[in-house]
């Protein structure tokens, strides 16, 4: 890993930046290991493989840019796509409602948890103007990036506390991802089990159908 990082040089920081932005800025980010990237940067910086200042700035800036990308992508998706409760389990719907009722708190706390970090910017984009979102998200996400980067540096020094914190974060990420997968599977199962109901006709469509039936009946009588 260290040899590869040394060969890539600054290209490694570019790859790390893209991964961090995608983790909270794109929906695929729910399966991307954001904290592994920042902790990994800290490990590489602590071992002298990459420049410490540049790696720390990468963790802070890219970590803060991702949620803003997620916010604007949520805005483009529209309120109906973001806030529809149809098909959601009751527990998941309550979580979304809580994020909408306390959006500032959701942005501040959600940054510290994988999966949640990806979804909260989209949920809160419908209820928070960007200047309020950014006022909370940018500083909190920057601190998250630097804090997890520092954990990586502590790992290179053999810190048992840092190792436990990283392990706890990873275990939490796995549990949240599993919960999200269960929600998605539950929605798919409900959709497959729901009986088919034809689309209701508009008055114009109903009139044309009645006219077609009348003409068919008249033709049968003449025959």
Protein backbone atom coordinates (compact mmCIF):
# COMPACT_ATOMS: atom_id res chain seq x y z
CA UNK A 1 0.00 0.00 0.00
CA UNK A 2 2.76 2.41 0.96
CA UNK A 3 4.78 1.58 -2.18
CA UNK A 4 1.71 2.13 -4.38
CA UNK A 5 0.95 5.41 -2.62
CA UNK A 6 4.51 6.58 -3.14
CA UNK A 7 4.30 5.84 -6.86
CA UNK A 8 0.95 7.56 -7.28
CA UNK A 9 1.98 10.68 -5.36
CA UNK A 10 -0.54 13.49 -5.63
CA UNK A 11 -2.73 11.28 -7.84
CA UNK A 12 -3.65 9.35 -4.70
CA UNK A 13 -5.00 12.55 -3.14
CA UNK A 14 -7.13 13.14 -6.23
CA UNK A 15 -8.55 9.61 -6.02
CA UNK A 16 -9.26 10.11 -2.30
CA UNK A 17 -11.01 13.41 -3.03
CA UNK A 18 -13.27 11.81 -5.64
CA UNK A 19 -14.13 8.95 -3.28
CA UNK A 20 -14.98 11.32 -0.42
CA UNK A 21 -17.16 13.58 -2.56
CA UNK A 22 -18.97 10.59 -4.06
CA UNK A 23 -19.55 9.02 -0.64
CA UNK A 24 -21.85 11.79 0.55
CA UNK A 25 -22.68 13.43 -2.78
CA UNK A 26 -24.00 10.46 -4.77
CA UNK A 27 -26.47 7.76 -3.77
CA UNK A 28 -23.88 5.10 -4.54
CA UNK A 29 -22.08 6.56 -1.53
CA UNK A 30 -24.13 4.39 0.82
CA UNK A 31 -21.75 1.52 -0.04
CA UNK A 32 -18.55 3.59 -0.21
CA UNK A 33 -16.24 3.58 2.85
CA UNK A 34 -15.80 7.31 3.50
CA UNK A 35 -14.16 6.94 6.90
CA UNK A 36 -11.77 4.35 5.50
CA UNK A 37 -10.52 6.96 3.05
CA UNK A 38 -9.90 9.69 5.64
CA UNK A 39 -8.39 7.25 8.14
CA UNK A 40 -6.25 5.79 5.35
CA UNK A 41 -5.00 9.25 4.47
CA UNK A 42 -4.07 9.74 8.12
CA UNK A 43 -2.17 6.46 8.18
CA UNK A 44 -0.27 7.33 5.00
CA UNK A 45 0.49 10.83 6.29
CA UNK A 46 1.61 9.43 9.65
CA UNK A 47 4.00 7.05 7.94
CA UNK A 48 5.39 9.84 5.75
CA UNK A 49 4.09 8.31 2.52
CA UNK A 50 2.05 11.38 1.53
CA UNK A 51 2.45 15.03 2.63
CA UNK A 52 0.57 15.52 5.89
CA UNK A 53 -0.76 19.03 5.20
CA UNK A 54 -2.00 18.15 1.71
CA UNK A 55 -3.63 14.93 2.95
CA UNK A 56 -5.34 16.76 5.84
CA UNK A 57 -6.66 19.44 3.50
CA UNK A 58 -7.96 16.73 1.18
CA UNK A 59 -9.86 15.10 4.04
CA UNK A 60 -11.37 18.40 5.19
CA UNK A 61 -12.22 20.00 1.84
CA UNK A 62 -13.49 16.90 0.02
CA UNK A 63 -15.38 15.82 3.13
CA UNK A 64 -17.17 19.18 3.17
CA UNK A 65 -17.82 19.30 -0.59
CA UNK A 66 -19.65 15.98 -0.75
CA UNK A 67 -22.71 16.94 1.36
CA UNK A 68 -23.21 20.11 -0.71
CA UNK A 69 -23.25 18.02 -3.88
CA UNK A 70 -25.80 15.72 -2.26
CA UNK A 71 -27.93 18.73 -1.27
CA UNK A 72 -28.10 20.09 -4.81
CA UNK A 73 -28.77 16.68 -6.29
CA UNK A 74 -31.63 16.37 -3.81
CA UNK A 75 -32.98 19.70 -4.98
CA UNK A 76 -32.90 18.50 -8.59
CA UNK A 77 -34.77 15.34 -7.60
CA UNK A 78 -37.78 17.38 -6.49
CA UNK A 79 -39.85 17.31 -3.30
CA UNK A 80 -42.09 14.45 -4.40
CA UNK A 81 -39.14 12.11 -4.96
CA UNK A 82 -37.56 13.06 -1.65
CA UNK A 83 -40.47 13.11 0.73
CA UNK A 84 -42.81 10.40 -0.51
CA UNK A 85 -43.67 7.95 2.27
CA UNK A 86 -45.47 5.40 0.10
CA UNK A 87 -44.11 1.91 0.60
CA UNK A 88 -41.76 2.85 3.43
CA UNK A 89 -41.85 0.90 6.70
CA UNK A 90 -43.20 2.93 9.61
CA UNK A 91 -39.81 3.13 11.35
CA UNK A 92 -38.07 4.50 8.24
CA UNK A 93 -40.86 7.02 7.67
CA UNK A 94 -40.49 8.27 11.26
CA UNK A 95 -36.75 8.75 10.78
CA UNK A 96 -37.39 10.86 7.67
CA UNK A 97 -40.01 12.91 9.47
CA UNK A 98 -37.58 13.56 12.33
CA UNK A 99 -34.91 14.74 9.88
CA UNK A 100 -37.42 17.11 8.28
CA UNK A 101 -38.61 18.49 11.62
CA UNK A 102 -35.07 19.00 12.99
CA UNK A 103 -33.06 19.48 9.80
CA UNK A 104 -30.19 21.46 11.37
CA UNK A 105 -29.69 18.80 14.04
CA UNK A 106 -29.93 16.07 11.38
CA UNK A 107 -27.20 17.74 9.30
CA UNK A 108 -24.94 18.19 12.33
CA UNK A 109 -25.31 14.64 13.66
CA UNK A 110 -25.78 12.78 10.39
CA UNK A 111 -22.27 13.66 9.20
CA UNK A 112 -20.80 11.31 11.78
CA UNK A 113 -22.54 8.17 10.54
CA UNK A 114 -22.05 6.32 7.27
CA UNK A 115 -25.14 5.85 5.07
CA UNK A 116 -26.89 8.64 7.05
CA UNK A 117 -24.19 11.00 5.78
CA UNK A 118 -25.30 10.23 2.23
CA UNK A 119 -29.07 10.51 2.78
CA UNK A 120 -29.44 13.51 5.12
CA UNK A 121 -28.39 16.19 2.58
CA UNK A 122 -31.09 14.96 0.21
CA UNK A 123 -33.80 14.80 2.87
CA UNK A 124 -33.03 18.24 4.30
CA UNK A 125 -32.66 19.92 0.88
CA UNK A 126 -36.44 20.25 0.71
CA UNK A 127 -36.77 22.06 4.04
CA UNK A 128 -33.53 24.03 4.44
CA UNK A 129 -32.28 26.87 2.22
CA UNK A 130 -28.71 26.26 1.12
CA UNK A 131 -27.15 29.06 3.18
CA UNK A 132 -28.49 27.48 6.38
CA UNK A 133 -27.47 23.99 5.25
CA UNK A 134 -23.96 25.15 4.38
CA UNK A 135 -23.55 27.07 7.64
CA UNK A 136 -23.86 23.77 9.51
CA UNK A 137 -22.66 21.20 7.00
CA UNK A 138 -19.38 22.76 5.87
CA UNK A 139 -17.81 23.29 9.32
CA UNK A 140 -19.13 20.00 10.73
CA UNK A 141 -18.02 17.98 7.69
CA UNK A 142 -14.60 19.65 7.76
CA UNK A 143 -14.18 18.74 11.43
CA UNK A 144 -15.30 15.18 10.64
CA UNK A 145 -12.69 14.93 7.88
CA UNK A 146 -9.90 16.23 10.10
CA UNK A 147 -10.96 14.16 13.12
CA UNK A 148 -11.04 10.88 11.20
CA UNK A 149 -7.78 11.86 9.48
CA UNK A 150 -6.25 12.34 12.92
CA UNK A 151 -7.46 8.86 13.93
CA UNK A 152 -5.39 7.45 11.09
CA UNK A 153 -2.34 9.29 12.38
CA UNK A 154 -2.92 7.87 15.84
CA UNK A 155 -3.20 4.38 14.40
CA UNK A 156 0.35 4.64 13.06
CA UNK A 157 1.47 5.30 16.64
CA UNK A 158 -0.28 2.17 17.90
CA UNK A 159 -3.18 3.89 19.66
CA UNK A 160 -5.62 1.25 20.92
CA UNK A 161 -8.31 3.90 21.49
CA UNK A 162 -8.09 5.03 17.86
CA UNK A 163 -8.36 1.42 16.71
CA UNK A 164 -11.49 0.89 18.81
CA UNK A 165 -13.08 4.10 17.50
CA UNK A 166 -12.43 3.12 13.88
CA UNK A 167 -13.78 -0.39 14.49
CA UNK A 168 -16.92 1.06 16.12
CA UNK A 169 -17.47 3.39 13.16
CA UNK A 170 -17.09 0.53 10.70
CA UNK A 171 -19.45 -1.72 12.66
CA UNK A 172 -22.05 1.07 12.78
CA UNK A 173 -21.69 1.58 9.03
CA UNK A 174 -22.32 -2.12 8.38
CA UNK A 175 -25.40 -2.14 10.62
CA UNK A 176 -26.88 0.97 8.97
CA UNK A 177 -26.20 -0.42 5.50
CA UNK A 178 -27.90 -3.67 6.48
CA UNK A 179 -30.91 -1.73 7.80
CA UNK A 180 -31.12 0.22 4.53
CA UNK A 181 -30.96 -2.99 2.49
CA UNK A 182 -33.76 -4.49 4.59
CA UNK A 183 -35.90 -1.40 3.93
CA UNK A 184 -35.28 -1.66 0.18
CA UNK A 185 -36.02 -5.41 0.13
CA UNK A 186 -39.20 -4.82 2.15
CA UNK A 187 -40.39 -2.19 -0.32
CA UNK A 188 -39.71 -4.53 -3.26
CA UNK A 189 -41.58 -7.40 -1.61
CA UNK A 190 -44.55 -5.16 -0.85
CA UNK A 191 -44.59 -3.94 -4.42
CA UNK A 192 -44.59 -7.49 -5.80
CA UNK A 193 -47.34 -8.64 -3.43
CA UNK A 194 -49.58 -5.63 -4.07
CA UNK A 195 -52.48 -6.62 -6.39
CA UNK A 196 -52.57 -4.93 -9.75
CA UNK A 197 -55.07 -2.09 -9.98
CA UNK A 198 -55.70 -0.54 -13.40
CA UNK A 199 -55.05 3.15 -13.82
CA UNK A 200 -58.27 5.14 -13.29
CA UNK A 201 -59.63 6.57 -16.51
CA UNK A 202 -60.14 10.26 -17.03
CA UNK A 203 -63.67 11.43 -17.98
CA UNK A 204 -62.55 11.89 -21.59
CA UNK A 205 -61.18 8.36 -21.80
CA UNK A 206 -64.36 6.95 -20.24
CA UNK A 207 -66.47 8.88 -22.79
CA UNK A 208 -64.48 7.57 -25.73
CA UNK A 209 -64.76 4.02 -24.39
CA UNK A 210 -68.56 4.34 -24.05
CA UNK A 211 -68.81 5.77 -27.56
CA UNK A 212 -66.79 2.85 -28.92
CA UNK A 213 -69.07 0.36 -27.21
CA UNK A 214 -72.18 2.12 -28.55
CA UNK A 215 -70.90 2.08 -32.12
CA UNK A 216 -70.01 -1.62 -31.82
CA UNK A 217 -73.48 -2.41 -30.50
CA UNK A 218 -75.15 -0.46 -33.37
CA UNK A 219 -73.06 -2.31 -35.92
CA UNK A 220 -74.10 -5.66 -34.44
CA UNK A 221 -77.81 -4.76 -34.67
CA UNK A 222 -77.50 -3.69 -38.33
CA UNK A 223 -75.71 -6.93 -39.12
